[in-house]
Amino acid sequence: MNIKTKNEIIEILKMPYNEFDKSIKSIAKNISQNINIQTIALLGYNNTCINQCTYCGMRADNINLKRYKLSPTEIKKIVKTVEKSNIKNIYFVSGEDPEYDFKDILSIIEYSKSLNLNVGLAIGERKLKDYNELKAAGLDEYMLKFETTNKTLFNNIKPNTNFKKRISCIQQIKKAGLRLASGNIVGLPHQTIDDIANDIILMNDLEISFAPVIPYIPVSNTPLIIEAKKENNKKNLELTIKEISLLRIIIPKVNITAQQPGEDFKNGLSDLNGNLNALKAGANVLLIDMLPQELIENFNIIDNRMIKGLNHINKLITLYNL
């Protein structure tokens, strides 16, 4: 199936879900049979952030959040645990924190590569010099989401930066020779179907390696929750599943996160039905949270984030293969 135009993308995004489920989703699943399901160890090592993103629970003004920073020594111990678990992929994620020593980040990447791990990093907007140094240290992939192609909406939800700067940073990541993980948030207040279609087109144009797409989830202690309509949760979930299938069809080899919520957001990102539905729509990436148990709730990008371990993933894969 070839989907080449924006109008074709919009037609599928507007398609009744039952019709989509029987047609487009099945096509995407068939394509994904040739894509390996990947497990990624996720380590949110630092929840300090200078930004005021209006949708994020880790925004600088959230005084209710207990802040923490893992030391390089603590991080390397966790990395060793990942290596012993025979997990081949690790992603380091942090709030945008200029106070965390960049040399320590390079050291962590070098250590992880010495254990033959595939390494990803998401620490926000940096300069080309930093991306080059990360590449030299062995980093494989850098995640910087563009969130939305609607410039006005982007600038409103991310007041510490702007859309032009974000795209410039994304281009610099690619210039440094790093694989690019990027994508959008589906269902932001004031976002349109046209916006989402433009998001999908941009992901294709950027030749992304990983699409960490997710529906908008209203988060406590954030300004955007005031504008959010919680009754649209199901619509956002359905749009996200449609986007996953579209991405699988348009960019067949791209990695796509299956760590999606179900209809009850209180079940977090390891909702069995949400994850399974995403896998059946063409997603292929599942995450394991490597944070110590006492810190997990403080890496609060979204409420009730909850990412489970290998038992959950093995159960999912078994159900998927039935």
C-alpha atoms as a PDB file:
ATOM      1  CA  MET A   1       0.000   0.000   0.000  1.00  0.00           C
ATOM      2  CA  ASN A   2       1.388   3.389  -0.999  1.00  0.00           C
ATOM      3  CA  ILE A   3       0.348   6.491   0.930  1.00  0.00           C
ATOM      4  CA  LYS A   4       1.908   9.453  -0.817  1.00  0.00           C
ATOM      5  CA  THR A   5      -0.199  12.539  -0.207  1.00  0.00           C
ATOM      6  CA  LYS A   6      -1.326  14.586   2.753  1.00  0.00           C
ATOM      7  CA  ASN A   7      -4.938  14.107   1.701  1.00  0.00           C
ATOM      8  CA  GLU A   8      -4.525  10.320   1.901  1.00  0.00           C
ATOM      9  CA  ILE A   9      -3.094  10.646   5.415  1.00  0.00           C
ATOM     10  CA  ILE A  10      -5.969  12.894   6.504  1.00  0.00           C
ATOM     11  CA  GLU A  11      -8.505  10.473   5.032  1.00  0.00           C
ATOM     12  CA  ILE A  12      -7.115   7.658   7.199  1.00  0.00           C
ATOM     13  CA  LEU A  13      -6.891   9.850  10.316  1.00  0.00           C
ATOM     14  CA  LYS A  14     -10.591  10.696   9.848  1.00  0.00           C
ATOM     15  CA  MET A  15     -11.631   7.126   9.001  1.00  0.00           C
ATOM     16  CA  PRO A  16     -14.111   5.487  11.425  1.00  0.00           C
ATOM     17  CA  TYR A  17     -12.018   3.425  13.827  1.00  0.00           C
ATOM     18  CA  ASN A  18     -13.820   0.143  13.095  1.00  0.00           C
ATOM     19  CA  GLU A  19     -13.096   0.552   9.389  1.00  0.00           C
ATOM     20  CA  PHE A  20      -9.459   1.471  10.104  1.00  0.00           C
ATOM     21  CA  ASP A  21      -9.082  -1.540  12.402  1.00  0.00           C
ATOM     22  CA  LYS A  22     -10.120  -3.949   9.650  1.00  0.00           C
ATOM     23  CA  SER A  23      -8.086  -2.374   6.862  1.00  0.00           C
ATOM     24  CA  ILE A  24      -5.151  -0.030   7.476  1.00  0.00           C
ATOM     25  CA  LYS A  25      -4.182  -1.493  10.842  1.00  0.00           C
ATOM     26  CA  SER A  26      -4.053  -5.018   9.379  1.00  0.00           C
ATOM     27  CA  ILE A  27      -1.814  -3.831   6.543  1.00  0.00           C
ATOM     28  CA  ALA A  28       0.555  -2.188   9.037  1.00  0.00           C
ATOM     29  CA  LYS A  29       0.667  -5.319  11.174  1.00  0.00           C
ATOM     30  CA  ASN A  30       1.599  -7.418   8.154  1.00  0.00           C
ATOM     31  CA  ILE A  31       4.474  -5.059   7.349  1.00  0.00           C
ATOM     32  CA  SER A  32       5.664  -5.174  10.965  1.00  0.00           C
ATOM     33  CA  GLN A  33       6.045  -8.962  10.794  1.00  0.00           C
ATOM     34  CA  ASN A  34       9.447  -8.248   9.221  1.00  0.00           C
ATOM     35  CA  ILE A  35      10.465  -5.872  12.054  1.00  0.00           C
ATOM     36  CA  ASN A  36      11.967  -7.209  15.276  1.00  0.00           C
ATOM     37  CA  ILE A  37      10.319  -6.276  18.562  1.00  0.00           C
ATOM     38  CA  GLN A  38      12.972  -4.372  20.491  1.00  0.00           C
ATOM     39  CA  THR A  39      13.409  -4.022  24.231  1.00  0.00           C
ATOM     40  CA  ILE A  40      15.040  -0.815  25.454  1.00  0.00           C
ATOM     41  CA  ALA A  41      16.255  -0.200  28.988  1.00  0.00           C
ATOM     42  CA  LEU A  42      15.161   3.314  29.912  1.00  0.00           C
ATOM     43  CA  LEU A  43      17.038   5.312  32.536  1.00  0.00           C
ATOM     44  CA  GLY A  44      15.704   8.727  33.508  1.00  0.00           C
ATOM     45  CA  TYR A  45      18.830   9.631  35.437  1.00  0.00           C
ATOM     46  CA  ASN A  46      17.997  13.276  36.182  1.00  0.00           C
ATOM     47  CA  ASN A  47      14.623  14.991  36.615  1.00  0.00           C
ATOM     48  CA  THR A  48      15.977  18.534  36.938  1.00  0.00           C
ATOM     49  CA  CYS A  49      14.881  20.794  34.074  1.00  0.00           C
ATOM     50  CA  ILE A  50      15.223  24.503  33.264  1.00  0.00           C
ATOM     51  CA  ASN A  51      12.260  24.492  30.898  1.00  0.00           C
ATOM     52  CA  GLN A  52       8.614  25.409  31.460  1.00  0.00           C
ATOM     53  CA  CYS A  53       6.889  23.115  28.967  1.00  0.00           C
ATOM     54  CA  THR A  54       3.204  23.533  29.733  1.00  0.00           C
ATOM     55  CA  TYR A  55       2.374  19.808  29.377  1.00  0.00           C
ATOM     56  CA  CYS A  56       5.252  18.252  31.354  1.00  0.00           C
ATOM     57  CA  GLY A  57       5.254  17.246  35.015  1.00  0.00           C
ATOM     58  CA  MET A  58       9.013  17.903  35.263  1.00  0.00           C
ATOM     59  CA  ARG A  59       8.700  21.580  34.284  1.00  0.00           C
ATOM     60  CA  ALA A  60      10.916  23.892  36.341  1.00  0.00           C
ATOM     61  CA  ASP A  61       8.027  25.512  38.213  1.00  0.00           C
ATOM     62  CA  ASN A  62       6.607  22.245  39.553  1.00  0.00           C
ATOM     63  CA  ILE A  63       7.549  22.751  43.194  1.00  0.00           C
ATOM     64  CA  ASN A  64       5.684  19.574  44.184  1.00  0.00           C
ATOM     65  CA  LEU A  65       8.211  17.338  42.431  1.00  0.00           C
ATOM     66  CA  LYS A  66      11.130  15.889  44.381  1.00  0.00           C
ATOM     67  CA  ARG A  67      14.260  16.430  42.289  1.00  0.00           C
ATOM     68  CA  TYR A  68      17.143  13.981  41.967  1.00  0.00           C
ATOM     69  CA  LYS A  69      20.316  13.416  39.933  1.00  0.00           C
ATOM     70  CA  LEU A  70      22.041  10.053  39.684  1.00  0.00           C
ATOM     71  CA  SER A  71      25.826  10.233  39.775  1.00  0.00           C
ATOM     72  CA  PRO A  72      27.955   8.733  36.977  1.00  0.00           C
ATOM     73  CA  THR A  73      28.947   5.928  39.363  1.00  0.00           C
ATOM     74  CA  GLU A  74      25.292   5.110  40.139  1.00  0.00           C
ATOM     75  CA  ILE A  75      24.428   5.202  36.449  1.00  0.00           C
ATOM     76  CA  LYS A  76      27.271   2.887  35.462  1.00  0.00           C
ATOM     77  CA  LYS A  77      26.156   0.327  38.043  1.00  0.00           C
ATOM     78  CA  ILE A  78      22.714   0.295  36.450  1.00  0.00           C
ATOM     79  CA  VAL A  79      24.261   0.038  32.983  1.00  0.00           C
ATOM     80  CA  LYS A  80      26.165  -3.038  34.124  1.00  0.00           C
ATOM     81  CA  THR A  81      22.874  -4.544  35.319  1.00  0.00           C
ATOM     82  CA  VAL A  82      21.407  -3.948  31.873  1.00  0.00           C
ATOM     83  CA  GLU A  83      24.360  -5.665  30.222  1.00  0.00           C
ATOM     84  CA  LYS A  84      24.054  -8.675  32.548  1.00  0.00           C
ATOM     85  CA  SER A  85      20.340  -8.921  31.685  1.00  0.00           C
ATOM     86  CA  ASN A  86      21.241  -9.431  28.011  1.00  0.00           C
ATOM     87  CA  ILE A  87      19.318  -6.296  27.025  1.00  0.00           C
ATOM     88  CA  LYS A  88      21.125  -4.773  24.063  1.00  0.00           C
ATOM     89  CA  ASN A  89      19.641  -1.260  24.021  1.00  0.00           C
ATOM     90  CA  ILE A  90      19.723   1.527  26.590  1.00  0.00           C
ATOM     91  CA  TYR A  91      18.293   5.038  26.488  1.00  0.00           C
ATOM     92  CA  PHE A  92      19.467   7.750  28.868  1.00  0.00           C
ATOM     93  CA  VAL A  93      16.871  10.462  29.445  1.00  0.00           C
ATOM     94  CA  SER A  94      17.114  13.657  31.465  1.00  0.00           C
ATOM     95  CA  GLY A  95      15.450  16.981  31.961  1.00  0.00           C
ATOM     96  CA  GLU A  96      17.300  19.781  30.221  1.00  0.00           C
ATOM     97  CA  ASP A  97      19.871  20.496  32.913  1.00  0.00           C
ATOM     98  CA  PRO A  98      22.968  22.545  31.972  1.00  0.00           C
ATOM     99  CA  GLU A  99      24.421  21.906  35.440  1.00  0.00           C
ATOM    100  CA  TYR A 100      24.984  18.191  34.797  1.00  0.00           C
ATOM    101  CA  ASP A 101      28.620  17.848  33.727  1.00  0.00           C
ATOM    102  CA  PHE A 102      28.740  17.093  30.002  1.00  0.00           C
ATOM    103  CA  LYS A 103      32.036  15.234  30.450  1.00  0.00           C
ATOM    104  CA  ASP A 104      30.211  12.826  32.762  1.00  0.00           C
ATOM    105  CA  ILE A 105      27.586  12.220  30.084  1.00  0.00           C
ATOM    106  CA  LEU A 106      30.330  11.416  27.570  1.00  0.00           C
ATOM    107  CA  SER A 107      31.940   9.057  30.086  1.00  0.00           C
ATOM    108  CA  ILE A 108      28.627   7.223  30.634  1.00  0.00           C
ATOM    109  CA  ILE A 109      28.187   6.761  26.890  1.00  0.00           C
ATOM    110  CA  GLU A 110      31.752   5.505  26.453  1.00  0.00           C
ATOM    111  CA  TYR A 111      31.267   3.017  29.287  1.00  0.00           C
ATOM    112  CA  SER A 112      27.978   1.774  27.834  1.00  0.00           C
ATOM    113  CA  LYS A 113      29.560   1.284  24.425  1.00  0.00           C
ATOM    114  CA  SER A 114      32.415  -0.663  26.041  1.00  0.00           C
ATOM    115  CA  LEU A 115      29.726  -3.170  27.092  1.00  0.00           C
ATOM    116  CA  ASN A 116      28.542  -3.427  23.469  1.00  0.00           C
ATOM    117  CA  LEU A 117      25.215  -1.715  24.107  1.00  0.00           C
ATOM    118  CA  ASN A 118      23.285   0.330  21.573  1.00  0.00           C
ATOM    119  CA  VAL A 119      23.001   3.740  23.212  1.00  0.00           C
ATOM    120  CA  GLY A 120      20.392   6.500  22.868  1.00  0.00           C
ATOM    121  CA  LEU A 121      20.262   9.862  24.626  1.00  0.00           C
ATOM    122  CA  ALA A 122      17.592  12.502  25.207  1.00  0.00           C
ATOM    123  CA  ILE A 123      18.808  15.610  27.071  1.00  0.00           C
ATOM    124  CA  GLY A 124      17.189  18.417  25.094  1.00  0.00           C
ATOM    125  CA  GLU A 125      18.533  21.082  22.792  1.00  0.00           C
ATOM    126  CA  ARG A 126      22.322  21.262  22.513  1.00  0.00           C
ATOM    127  CA  LYS A 127      24.900  22.828  20.197  1.00  0.00           C
ATOM    128  CA  LEU A 128      26.439  21.093  17.178  1.00  0.00           C
ATOM    129  CA  LYS A 129      29.733  20.806  19.077  1.00  0.00           C
ATOM    130  CA  ASP A 130      27.994  18.681  21.727  1.00  0.00           C
ATOM    131  CA  TYR A 131      26.338  16.435  19.170  1.00  0.00           C
ATOM    132  CA  ASN A 132      29.708  15.904  17.496  1.00  0.00           C
ATOM    133  CA  GLU A 133      31.314  14.982  20.821  1.00  0.00           C
ATOM    134  CA  LEU A 134      28.479  12.593  21.626  1.00  0.00           C
ATOM    135  CA  LYS A 135      28.957  10.914  18.263  1.00  0.00           C
ATOM    136  CA  ALA A 136      32.695  10.618  18.897  1.00  0.00           C
ATOM    137  CA  ALA A 137      31.976   9.012  22.295  1.00  0.00           C
ATOM    138  CA  GLY A 138      29.975   6.327  20.513  1.00  0.00           C
ATOM    139  CA  LEU A 139      26.383   7.543  20.847  1.00  0.00           C
ATOM    140  CA  ASP A 140      24.118   5.830  18.335  1.00  0.00           C
ATOM    141  CA  GLU A 141      20.879   7.811  18.486  1.00  0.00           C
ATOM    142  CA  TYR A 142      19.662  11.140  19.851  1.00  0.00           C
ATOM    143  CA  MET A 143      16.039  11.841  20.682  1.00  0.00           C
ATOM    144  CA  LEU A 144      14.655  15.326  20.192  1.00  0.00           C
ATOM    145  CA  LYS A 145      10.932  15.449  19.542  1.00  0.00           C
ATOM    146  CA  PHE A 146       9.445  18.322  17.560  1.00  0.00           C
ATOM    147  CA  GLU A 147       6.129  17.717  19.405  1.00  0.00           C
ATOM    148  CA  THR A 148       4.000  19.509  16.761  1.00  0.00           C
ATOM    149  CA  THR A 149       4.538  21.159  13.389  1.00  0.00           C
ATOM    150  CA  ASN A 150       2.018  23.850  14.338  1.00  0.00           C
ATOM    151  CA  LYS A 151       4.524  26.650  15.040  1.00  0.00           C
ATOM    152  CA  THR A 152       2.145  28.736  17.150  1.00  0.00           C
ATOM    153  CA  LEU A 153       1.122  25.746  19.237  1.00  0.00           C
ATOM    154  CA  PHE A 154       4.757  24.656  19.657  1.00  0.00           C
ATOM    155  CA  ASN A 155       5.829  28.095  20.833  1.00  0.00           C
ATOM    156  CA  ASN A 156       2.930  28.209  23.314  1.00  0.00           C
ATOM    157  CA  ILE A 157       3.608  24.825  24.898  1.00  0.00           C
ATOM    158  CA  LYS A 158       7.404  25.276  24.934  1.00  0.00           C
ATOM    159  CA  PRO A 159       7.992  28.901  26.031  1.00  0.00           C
ATOM    160  CA  ASN A 160      11.752  28.422  26.598  1.00  0.00           C
ATOM    161  CA  THR A 161      12.444  27.762  22.924  1.00  0.00           C
ATOM    162  CA  ASN A 162      10.761  28.129  19.545  1.00  0.00           C
ATOM    163  CA  PHE A 163       9.958  25.922  16.572  1.00  0.00           C
ATOM    164  CA  LYS A 164      12.721  27.366  14.378  1.00  0.00           C
ATOM    165  CA  LYS A 165      15.377  26.615  16.990  1.00  0.00           C
ATOM    166  CA  ARG A 166      14.008  23.108  17.575  1.00  0.00           C
ATOM    167  CA  ILE A 167      14.205  22.226  13.877  1.00  0.00           C
ATOM    168  CA  SER A 168      17.710  23.716  13.701  1.00  0.00           C
ATOM    169  CA  CYS A 169      18.822  21.442  16.559  1.00  0.00           C
ATOM    170  CA  ILE A 170      17.247  18.440  14.847  1.00  0.00           C
ATOM    171  CA  GLN A 171      19.150  19.235  11.672  1.00  0.00           C
ATOM    172  CA  GLN A 172      22.384  19.519  13.666  1.00  0.00           C
ATOM    173  CA  ILE A 173      21.798  16.073  15.181  1.00  0.00           C
ATOM    174  CA  LYS A 174      21.614  14.647  11.680  1.00  0.00           C
ATOM    175  CA  LYS A 175      24.645  16.691  10.589  1.00  0.00           C
ATOM    176  CA  ALA A 176      26.656  15.104  13.414  1.00  0.00           C
ATOM    177  CA  GLY A 177      25.872  11.690  11.943  1.00  0.00           C
ATOM    178  CA  LEU A 178      23.621  10.517  14.768  1.00  0.00           C
ATOM    179  CA  ARG A 179      20.439   8.586  14.154  1.00  0.00           C
ATOM    180  CA  LEU A 180      17.436  10.789  14.895  1.00  0.00           C
ATOM    181  CA  ALA A 181      14.544   9.804  17.158  1.00  0.00           C
ATOM    182  CA  SER A 182      11.767  12.350  16.832  1.00  0.00           C
ATOM    183  CA  GLY A 183       8.033  12.713  16.632  1.00  0.00           C
ATOM    184  CA  ASN A 184       4.955  14.380  17.982  1.00  0.00           C
ATOM    185  CA  ILE A 185       2.390  14.418  20.760  1.00  0.00           C
ATOM    186  CA  VAL A 186      -1.020  13.389  19.458  1.00  0.00           C
ATOM    187  CA  GLY A 187      -4.124  15.205  20.676  1.00  0.00           C
ATOM    188  CA  LEU A 188      -2.694  18.393  22.156  1.00  0.00           C
ATOM    189  CA  PRO A 189      -5.347  21.006  22.925  1.00  0.00           C
ATOM    190  CA  HIS A 190      -5.888  23.146  19.778  1.00  0.00           C
ATOM    191  CA  GLN A 191      -4.109  20.592  17.559  1.00  0.00           C
ATOM    192  CA  THR A 192      -5.940  19.672  14.330  1.00  0.00           C
ATOM    193  CA  ILE A 193      -6.024  16.624  12.074  1.00  0.00           C
ATOM    194  CA  ASP A 194      -4.208  18.752   9.515  1.00  0.00           C
ATOM    195  CA  ASP A 195      -1.437  19.349  12.080  1.00  0.00           C
ATOM    196  CA  ILE A 196      -1.066  15.619  12.740  1.00  0.00           C
ATOM    197  CA  ALA A 197      -0.852  14.917   9.008  1.00  0.00           C
ATOM    198  CA  ASN A 198       1.928  17.522   8.754  1.00  0.00           C
ATOM    199  CA  ASP A 199       3.677  15.843  11.705  1.00  0.00           C
ATOM    200  CA  ILE A 200       3.680  12.484   9.912  1.00  0.00           C
ATOM    201  CA  ILE A 201       5.019  14.088   6.733  1.00  0.00           C
ATOM    202  CA  LEU A 202       7.823  15.774   8.690  1.00  0.00           C
ATOM    203  CA  MET A 203       8.819  12.494  10.356  1.00  0.00           C
ATOM    204  CA  ASN A 204       9.144  10.962   6.907  1.00  0.00           C
ATOM    205  CA  ASP A 205      11.098  13.944   5.551  1.00  0.00           C
ATOM    206  CA  LEU A 206      13.501  13.810   8.514  1.00  0.00           C
ATOM    207  CA  GLU A 207      14.164  10.112   7.875  1.00  0.00           C
ATOM    208  CA  ILE A 208      13.799   9.346  11.578  1.00  0.00           C
ATOM    209  CA  SER A 209      15.060   6.042  12.965  1.00  0.00           C
ATOM    210  CA  PHE A 210      12.693   5.962  15.955  1.00  0.00           C
ATOM    211  CA  ALA A 211       9.238   7.486  16.435  1.00  0.00           C
ATOM    212  CA  PRO A 212       8.597   7.917  20.198  1.00  0.00           C
ATOM    213  CA  VAL A 213       5.032   9.097  19.577  1.00  0.00           C
ATOM    214  CA  ILE A 214       2.519   9.267  22.404  1.00  0.00           C
ATOM    215  CA  PRO A 215      -0.980  10.685  22.974  1.00  0.00           C
ATOM    216  CA  TYR A 216      -1.356  13.837  25.017  1.00  0.00           C
ATOM    217  CA  ILE A 217      -2.031  12.896  28.626  1.00  0.00           C
ATOM    218  CA  PRO A 218      -3.257  15.664  30.957  1.00  0.00           C
ATOM    219  CA  VAL A 219      -0.703  16.024  33.766  1.00  0.00           C
ATOM    220  CA  SER A 220      -1.364  17.489  37.215  1.00  0.00           C
ATOM    221  CA  ASN A 221       0.431  20.723  38.173  1.00  0.00           C
ATOM    222  CA  THR A 222       0.788  21.797  34.533  1.00  0.00           C
ATOM    223  CA  PRO A 223      -0.795  24.826  32.825  1.00  0.00           C
ATOM    224  CA  LEU A 224      -2.043  22.848  29.823  1.00  0.00           C
ATOM    225  CA  ILE A 225      -4.309  20.676  31.945  1.00  0.00           C
ATOM    226  CA  ILE A 226      -6.656  23.653  32.272  1.00  0.00           C
ATOM    227  CA  GLU A 227      -7.239  23.596  28.503  1.00  0.00           C
ATOM    228  CA  ALA A 228      -7.404  19.810  28.196  1.00  0.00           C
ATOM    229  CA  LYS A 229     -10.711  18.010  27.772  1.00  0.00           C
ATOM    230  CA  LYS A 230     -10.340  14.650  29.475  1.00  0.00           C
ATOM    231  CA  GLU A 231     -13.320  13.267  27.627  1.00  0.00           C
ATOM    232  CA  ASN A 232     -11.150  13.251  24.477  1.00  0.00           C
ATOM    233  CA  ASN A 233      -8.782  10.621  25.877  1.00  0.00           C
ATOM    234  CA  LYS A 234     -10.259   7.824  23.754  1.00  0.00           C
ATOM    235  CA  LYS A 235     -10.097   9.954  20.612  1.00  0.00           C
ATOM    236  CA  ASN A 236      -6.419  10.724  21.295  1.00  0.00           C
ATOM    237  CA  LEU A 237      -5.667   7.026  21.760  1.00  0.00           C
ATOM    238  CA  GLU A 238      -7.365   6.124  18.483  1.00  0.00           C
ATOM    239  CA  LEU A 239      -5.528   8.884  16.611  1.00  0.00           C
ATOM    240  CA  THR A 240      -2.233   7.642  18.045  1.00  0.00           C
ATOM    241  CA  ILE A 241      -2.924   4.083  16.883  1.00  0.00           C
ATOM    242  CA  LYS A 242      -3.811   5.405  13.432  1.00  0.00           C
ATOM    243  CA  GLU A 243      -0.578   7.381  13.341  1.00  0.00           C
ATOM    244  CA  ILE A 244       1.426   4.296  14.338  1.00  0.00           C
ATOM    245  CA  SER A 245      -0.048   2.332  11.429  1.00  0.00           C
ATOM    246  CA  LEU A 246       0.517   5.206   9.020  1.00  0.00           C
ATOM    247  CA  LEU A 247       4.161   5.481  10.077  1.00  0.00           C
ATOM    248  CA  ARG A 248       4.678   1.730   9.661  1.00  0.00           C
ATOM    249  CA  ILE A 249       3.281   1.903   6.127  1.00  0.00           C
ATOM    250  CA  ILE A 250       5.032   5.130   5.089  1.00  0.00           C
ATOM    251  CA  ILE A 251       8.393   4.446   6.831  1.00  0.00           C
ATOM    252  CA  PRO A 252       8.457   0.626   6.930  1.00  0.00           C
ATOM    253  CA  LYS A 253      11.746   0.181   8.836  1.00  0.00           C
ATOM    254  CA  VAL A 254      11.245   2.864  11.487  1.00  0.00           C
ATOM    255  CA  ASN A 255      11.138   1.869  15.157  1.00  0.00           C
ATOM    256  CA  ILE A 256       7.896   2.924  16.849  1.00  0.00           C
ATOM    257  CA  THR A 257       7.119   2.874  20.557  1.00  0.00           C
ATOM    258  CA  ALA A 258       4.483   0.388  21.616  1.00  0.00           C
ATOM    259  CA  GLN A 259       4.586   1.795  25.152  1.00  0.00           C
ATOM    260  CA  GLN A 260       1.113   3.299  24.831  1.00  0.00           C
ATOM    261  CA  PRO A 261      -1.593   3.834  27.452  1.00  0.00           C
ATOM    262  CA  GLY A 262      -4.964   2.154  27.386  1.00  0.00           C
ATOM    263  CA  GLU A 263      -8.337   3.805  27.946  1.00  0.00           C
ATOM    264  CA  ASP A 264      -7.661   4.198  31.674  1.00  0.00           C
ATOM    265  CA  PHE A 265      -4.596   6.435  31.917  1.00  0.00           C
ATOM    266  CA  LYS A 266      -4.159   5.398  35.558  1.00  0.00           C
ATOM    267  CA  ASN A 267      -2.673   2.129  34.273  1.00  0.00           C
ATOM    268  CA  GLY A 268       0.299   4.053  32.882  1.00  0.00           C
ATOM    269  CA  LEU A 269       2.384   3.161  29.860  1.00  0.00           C
ATOM    270  CA  SER A 270       2.379  -0.570  30.599  1.00  0.00           C
ATOM    271  CA  ASP A 271      -1.335  -0.984  30.090  1.00  0.00           C
ATOM    272  CA  LEU A 272      -1.548  -4.486  28.629  1.00  0.00           C
ATOM    273  CA  ASN A 273      -4.323  -3.659  26.172  1.00  0.00           C
ATOM    274  CA  GLY A 274      -2.718  -0.350  25.180  1.00  0.00           C
ATOM    275  CA  ASN A 275       0.658  -1.970  24.508  1.00  0.00           C
ATOM    276  CA  LEU A 276      -0.842  -4.922  22.658  1.00  0.00           C
ATOM    277  CA  ASN A 277      -3.026  -2.677  20.506  1.00  0.00           C
ATOM    278  CA  ALA A 278       0.032  -0.626  19.537  1.00  0.00           C
ATOM    279  CA  LEU A 279       1.995  -3.768  18.608  1.00  0.00           C
ATOM    280  CA  LYS A 280      -0.899  -4.933  16.441  1.00  0.00           C
ATOM    281  CA  ALA A 281      -0.944  -1.510  14.757  1.00  0.00           C
ATOM    282  CA  GLY A 282       2.709  -1.783  13.746  1.00  0.00           C
ATOM    283  CA  ALA A 283       4.721  -0.585  16.756  1.00  0.00           C
ATOM    284  CA  ASN A 284       7.769  -2.595  17.831  1.00  0.00           C
ATOM    285  CA  VAL A 285       9.581  -0.933  20.776  1.00  0.00           C
ATOM    286  CA  LEU A 286       8.956  -1.820  24.431  1.00  0.00           C
ATOM    287  CA  LEU A 287      10.662  -0.189  27.410  1.00  0.00           C
ATOM    288  CA  ILE A 288      11.920  -1.357  30.790  1.00  0.00           C
ATOM    289  CA  ASP A 289      12.332   1.288  33.504  1.00  0.00           C
ATOM    290  CA  MET A 290      15.766   0.952  35.133  1.00  0.00           C
ATOM    291  CA  LEU A 291      15.315   3.590  37.839  1.00  0.00           C
ATOM    292  CA  PRO A 292      15.473   2.441  41.460  1.00  0.00           C
ATOM    293  CA  GLN A 293      11.926   1.865  42.709  1.00  0.00           C
ATOM    294  CA  GLU A 294      12.050   4.782  45.137  1.00  0.00           C
ATOM    295  CA  LEU A 295      12.757   7.248  42.293  1.00  0.00           C
ATOM    296  CA  ILE A 296      10.412   6.020  39.569  1.00  0.00           C
ATOM    297  CA  GLU A 297       7.468   8.242  40.528  1.00  0.00           C
ATOM    298  CA  ASN A 298       9.735  11.318  40.502  1.00  0.00           C
ATOM    299  CA  PHE A 299      10.579  10.966  36.811  1.00  0.00           C
ATOM    300  CA  ASN A 300       7.162  12.461  36.271  1.00  0.00           C
ATOM    301  CA  ILE A 301       6.942  13.599  32.668  1.00  0.00           C
ATOM    302  CA  ILE A 302       3.386  12.234  32.817  1.00  0.00           C
ATOM    303  CA  ASP A 303       1.289  11.101  35.769  1.00  0.00           C
ATOM    304  CA  ASN A 304       1.223   7.361  36.555  1.00  0.00           C
ATOM    305  CA  ARG A 305       4.001   6.714  34.036  1.00  0.00           C
ATOM    306  CA  MET A 306       4.543   3.134  35.285  1.00  0.00           C
ATOM    307  CA  ILE A 307       6.719   1.056  32.965  1.00  0.00           C
ATOM    308  CA  LYS A 308       7.000  -2.609  33.939  1.00  0.00           C
ATOM    309  CA  GLY A 309       9.766  -5.165  33.430  1.00  0.00           C
ATOM    310  CA  LEU A 310      10.638  -8.238  31.399  1.00  0.00           C
ATOM    311  CA  ASN A 311       7.722 -10.364  32.635  1.00  0.00           C
ATOM    312  CA  HIS A 312       5.293  -7.808  31.200  1.00  0.00           C
ATOM    313  CA  ILE A 313       7.166  -7.731  27.892  1.00  0.00           C
ATOM    314  CA  ASN A 314       7.310 -11.528  27.622  1.00  0.00           C
ATOM    315  CA  LYS A 315       3.572 -11.720  28.290  1.00  0.00           C
ATOM    316  CA  LEU A 316       2.929  -9.106  25.594  1.00  0.00           C
ATOM    317  CA  ILE A 317       5.024 -10.910  23.020  1.00  0.00           C
ATOM    318  CA  THR A 318       3.253 -14.183  23.787  1.00  0.00           C
ATOM    319  CA  LEU A 319      -0.176 -12.559  23.354  1.00  0.00           C
ATOM    320  CA  TYR A 320       0.965 -10.783  20.196  1.00  0.00           C
ATOM    321  CA  ASN A 321       2.082 -14.053  18.628  1.00  0.00           C
ATOM    322  CA  LEU A 322      -1.152 -15.923  19.368  1.00  0.00           C
END
